[in-house]
Amino acid sequence: MIKIIKPGDDEELKGTKIFVCRKCGCIFKADKEDYRSDSWYNSFYYSCTCPYCNFEYAYEQEWKED
């Protein structure tokens, strides 16, 4: 039997994320339909193709908008 101790955050699953391209430096937002998720060595991450230079591996970044 599975019992939920603390529910997850539904907003996190459907939210817009901010990405930074390490090739050209572009900072952009992407909706759930535009980015992909994966895991590597027990870490979960999001990646997206840069809309400016088309570099395939721009990763989610913590970013505070002013």
N, C-alpha and C. Protein backbone atom coordinates (compact mmCIF):
# COMPACT_ATOMS: atom_id res chain seq x y z
N MET A 1 0.83 -1.18 0.00
CA MET A 1 0.00 0.00 0.00
C MET A 1 0.89 1.25 0.00
N ILE A 2 0.49 2.23 -0.78
CA ILE A 2 1.21 3.51 -0.85
C ILE A 2 0.39 4.56 -0.12
N LYS A 3 1.06 5.33 0.72
CA LYS A 3 0.40 6.40 1.46
C LYS A 3 1.18 7.69 1.25
N ILE A 4 0.52 8.73 0.77
CA ILE A 4 1.16 10.03 0.56
C ILE A 4 1.35 10.72 1.90
N ILE A 5 2.58 11.10 2.20
CA ILE A 5 2.88 11.81 3.43
C ILE A 5 2.73 13.32 3.21
N LYS A 6 3.25 13.80 2.09
CA LYS A 6 3.11 15.20 1.72
C LYS A 6 2.90 15.26 0.21
N PRO A 7 1.78 15.83 -0.26
CA PRO A 7 1.53 15.89 -1.70
C PRO A 7 2.53 16.78 -2.42
N GLY A 8 2.75 16.50 -3.69
CA GLY A 8 3.64 17.31 -4.51
C GLY A 8 2.99 18.60 -4.93
N ASP A 9 3.69 19.38 -5.75
CA ASP A 9 3.22 20.68 -6.21
C ASP A 9 2.78 20.55 -7.67
N ASP A 10 1.46 20.62 -7.91
CA ASP A 10 0.93 20.50 -9.27
C ASP A 10 1.43 21.62 -10.17
N GLU A 11 1.64 22.81 -9.62
CA GLU A 11 2.12 23.93 -10.41
C GLU A 11 3.52 23.65 -10.96
N GLU A 12 4.34 22.95 -10.21
CA GLU A 12 5.69 22.61 -10.66
C GLU A 12 5.65 21.73 -11.90
N LEU A 13 4.64 20.89 -12.01
CA LEU A 13 4.54 19.97 -13.14
C LEU A 13 4.11 20.65 -14.43
N LYS A 14 3.37 21.74 -14.34
CA LYS A 14 2.84 22.37 -15.55
C LYS A 14 3.41 23.75 -15.81
N GLY A 15 4.39 24.15 -15.04
CA GLY A 15 4.87 25.52 -15.08
C GLY A 15 5.81 25.86 -16.22
N THR A 16 5.93 27.17 -16.43
CA THR A 16 6.92 27.72 -17.34
C THR A 16 8.26 27.75 -16.61
N LYS A 17 9.32 27.40 -17.29
CA LYS A 17 10.64 27.37 -16.69
C LYS A 17 11.57 28.32 -17.44
N ILE A 18 12.59 28.80 -16.76
CA ILE A 18 13.57 29.71 -17.35
C ILE A 18 14.85 28.93 -17.64
N PHE A 19 15.37 29.14 -18.84
CA PHE A 19 16.56 28.42 -19.30
C PHE A 19 17.66 29.40 -19.68
N VAL A 20 18.91 28.95 -19.57
CA VAL A 20 20.07 29.73 -19.99
C VAL A 20 20.88 28.88 -20.95
N CYS A 21 21.18 29.45 -22.12
CA CYS A 21 22.00 28.74 -23.11
C CYS A 21 23.47 29.00 -22.79
N ARG A 22 24.23 27.94 -22.60
CA ARG A 22 25.65 28.10 -22.29
C ARG A 22 26.49 28.35 -23.53
N LYS A 23 25.88 28.27 -24.70
CA LYS A 23 26.62 28.54 -25.93
C LYS A 23 26.58 30.03 -26.27
N CYS A 24 25.38 30.64 -26.27
CA CYS A 24 25.28 32.05 -26.68
C CYS A 24 24.89 32.98 -25.53
N GLY A 25 24.46 32.43 -24.39
CA GLY A 25 24.09 33.26 -23.25
C GLY A 25 22.65 33.71 -23.23
N CYS A 26 21.86 33.28 -24.18
CA CYS A 26 20.45 33.65 -24.25
C CYS A 26 19.71 33.14 -23.01
N ILE A 27 18.84 33.97 -22.44
CA ILE A 27 17.99 33.59 -21.32
C ILE A 27 16.56 33.63 -21.84
N PHE A 28 15.83 32.55 -21.67
CA PHE A 28 14.48 32.48 -22.23
C PHE A 28 13.57 31.63 -21.38
N LYS A 29 12.27 31.83 -21.56
CA LYS A 29 11.25 31.04 -20.89
C LYS A 29 10.71 30.01 -21.87
N ALA A 30 10.34 28.84 -21.35
CA ALA A 30 9.75 27.80 -22.19
C ALA A 30 8.61 27.13 -21.42
N ASP A 31 7.53 26.86 -22.13
CA ASP A 31 6.40 26.15 -21.54
C ASP A 31 6.67 24.66 -21.53
N LYS A 32 5.87 23.93 -20.79
CA LYS A 32 6.04 22.49 -20.62
C LYS A 32 6.13 21.75 -21.96
N GLU A 33 5.38 22.20 -22.95
CA GLU A 33 5.39 21.53 -24.26
C GLU A 33 6.71 21.72 -24.99
N ASP A 34 7.51 22.69 -24.58
CA ASP A 34 8.74 23.03 -25.30
C ASP A 34 10.01 22.46 -24.69
N TYR A 35 9.98 22.04 -23.44
CA TYR A 35 11.19 21.50 -22.82
C TYR A 35 11.01 20.02 -22.51
N ARG A 36 12.12 19.37 -22.21
CA ARG A 36 12.09 17.95 -21.89
C ARG A 36 12.72 17.75 -20.51
N SER A 37 12.39 16.67 -19.88
CA SER A 37 12.97 16.36 -18.58
C SER A 37 13.67 15.01 -18.64
N ASP A 38 14.66 14.85 -17.79
CA ASP A 38 15.42 13.61 -17.75
C ASP A 38 16.08 13.51 -16.37
N SER A 39 16.69 12.38 -16.11
CA SER A 39 17.43 12.22 -14.87
C SER A 39 18.79 11.62 -15.18
N TRP A 40 19.74 11.92 -14.30
CA TRP A 40 21.11 11.45 -14.47
C TRP A 40 21.71 11.30 -13.08
N TYR A 41 22.14 10.12 -12.75
CA TYR A 41 22.72 9.84 -11.44
C TYR A 41 21.87 10.39 -10.29
N ASN A 42 20.61 10.04 -10.29
CA ASN A 42 19.66 10.43 -9.25
C ASN A 42 19.40 11.93 -9.17
N SER A 43 19.71 12.67 -10.21
CA SER A 43 19.37 14.10 -10.29
C SER A 43 18.38 14.28 -11.41
N PHE A 44 17.40 15.14 -11.19
CA PHE A 44 16.36 15.41 -12.18
C PHE A 44 16.64 16.78 -12.79
N TYR A 45 16.56 16.90 -14.12
CA TYR A 45 16.83 18.18 -14.75
C TYR A 45 15.93 18.40 -15.96
N TYR A 46 15.85 19.67 -16.41
CA TYR A 46 15.07 20.06 -17.58
C TYR A 46 16.03 20.67 -18.59
N SER A 47 15.79 20.38 -19.88
CA SER A 47 16.59 20.97 -20.94
C SER A 47 15.69 21.39 -22.09
N CYS A 48 16.22 22.30 -22.92
CA CYS A 48 15.43 22.86 -24.02
C CYS A 48 16.39 23.32 -25.11
N THR A 49 15.91 23.41 -26.34
CA THR A 49 16.70 23.93 -27.43
C THR A 49 16.62 25.45 -27.42
N CYS A 50 17.76 26.11 -27.50
CA CYS A 50 17.82 27.57 -27.48
C CYS A 50 17.12 28.15 -28.71
N PRO A 51 16.18 29.08 -28.53
CA PRO A 51 15.48 29.66 -29.68
C PRO A 51 16.34 30.63 -30.49
N TYR A 52 17.47 31.06 -29.94
CA TYR A 52 18.34 32.02 -30.62
C TYR A 52 19.38 31.32 -31.49
N CYS A 53 20.15 30.39 -30.91
CA CYS A 53 21.24 29.75 -31.66
C CYS A 53 20.98 28.28 -31.97
N ASN A 54 19.85 27.75 -31.52
CA ASN A 54 19.45 26.35 -31.74
C ASN A 54 20.35 25.33 -31.05
N PHE A 55 21.13 25.77 -30.06
CA PHE A 55 21.92 24.83 -29.27
C PHE A 55 20.95 23.94 -28.50
N GLU A 56 21.13 22.64 -28.58
CA GLU A 56 20.14 21.69 -28.07
C GLU A 56 20.13 21.56 -26.55
N TYR A 57 21.17 21.99 -25.88
CA TYR A 57 21.28 21.69 -24.45
C TYR A 57 21.32 22.94 -23.56
N ALA A 58 20.29 23.74 -23.60
CA ALA A 58 20.13 24.83 -22.64
C ALA A 58 19.42 24.24 -21.43
N TYR A 59 19.88 24.55 -20.24
CA TYR A 59 19.34 23.94 -19.03
C TYR A 59 18.60 24.94 -18.16
N GLU A 60 17.67 24.41 -17.37
CA GLU A 60 16.89 25.24 -16.47
C GLU A 60 17.82 25.97 -15.51
N GLN A 61 17.47 27.21 -15.21
CA GLN A 61 18.30 28.02 -14.35
C GLN A 61 17.42 28.76 -13.34
N GLU A 62 17.91 28.90 -12.14
CA GLU A 62 17.23 29.75 -11.17
C GLU A 62 17.48 31.20 -11.59
N TRP A 63 16.42 31.96 -11.81
CA TRP A 63 16.57 33.31 -12.31
C TRP A 63 15.50 34.19 -11.69
N LYS A 64 15.89 35.30 -11.16
CA LYS A 64 14.96 36.26 -10.56
C LYS A 64 14.76 37.40 -11.55
N GLU A 65 13.51 37.62 -11.96
CA GLU A 65 13.23 38.73 -12.85
C GLU A 65 13.07 40.02 -12.05
N ASP A 66 13.61 41.12 -12.56
CA ASP A 66 13.50 42.42 -11.88
C ASP A 66 12.19 43.09 -12.18
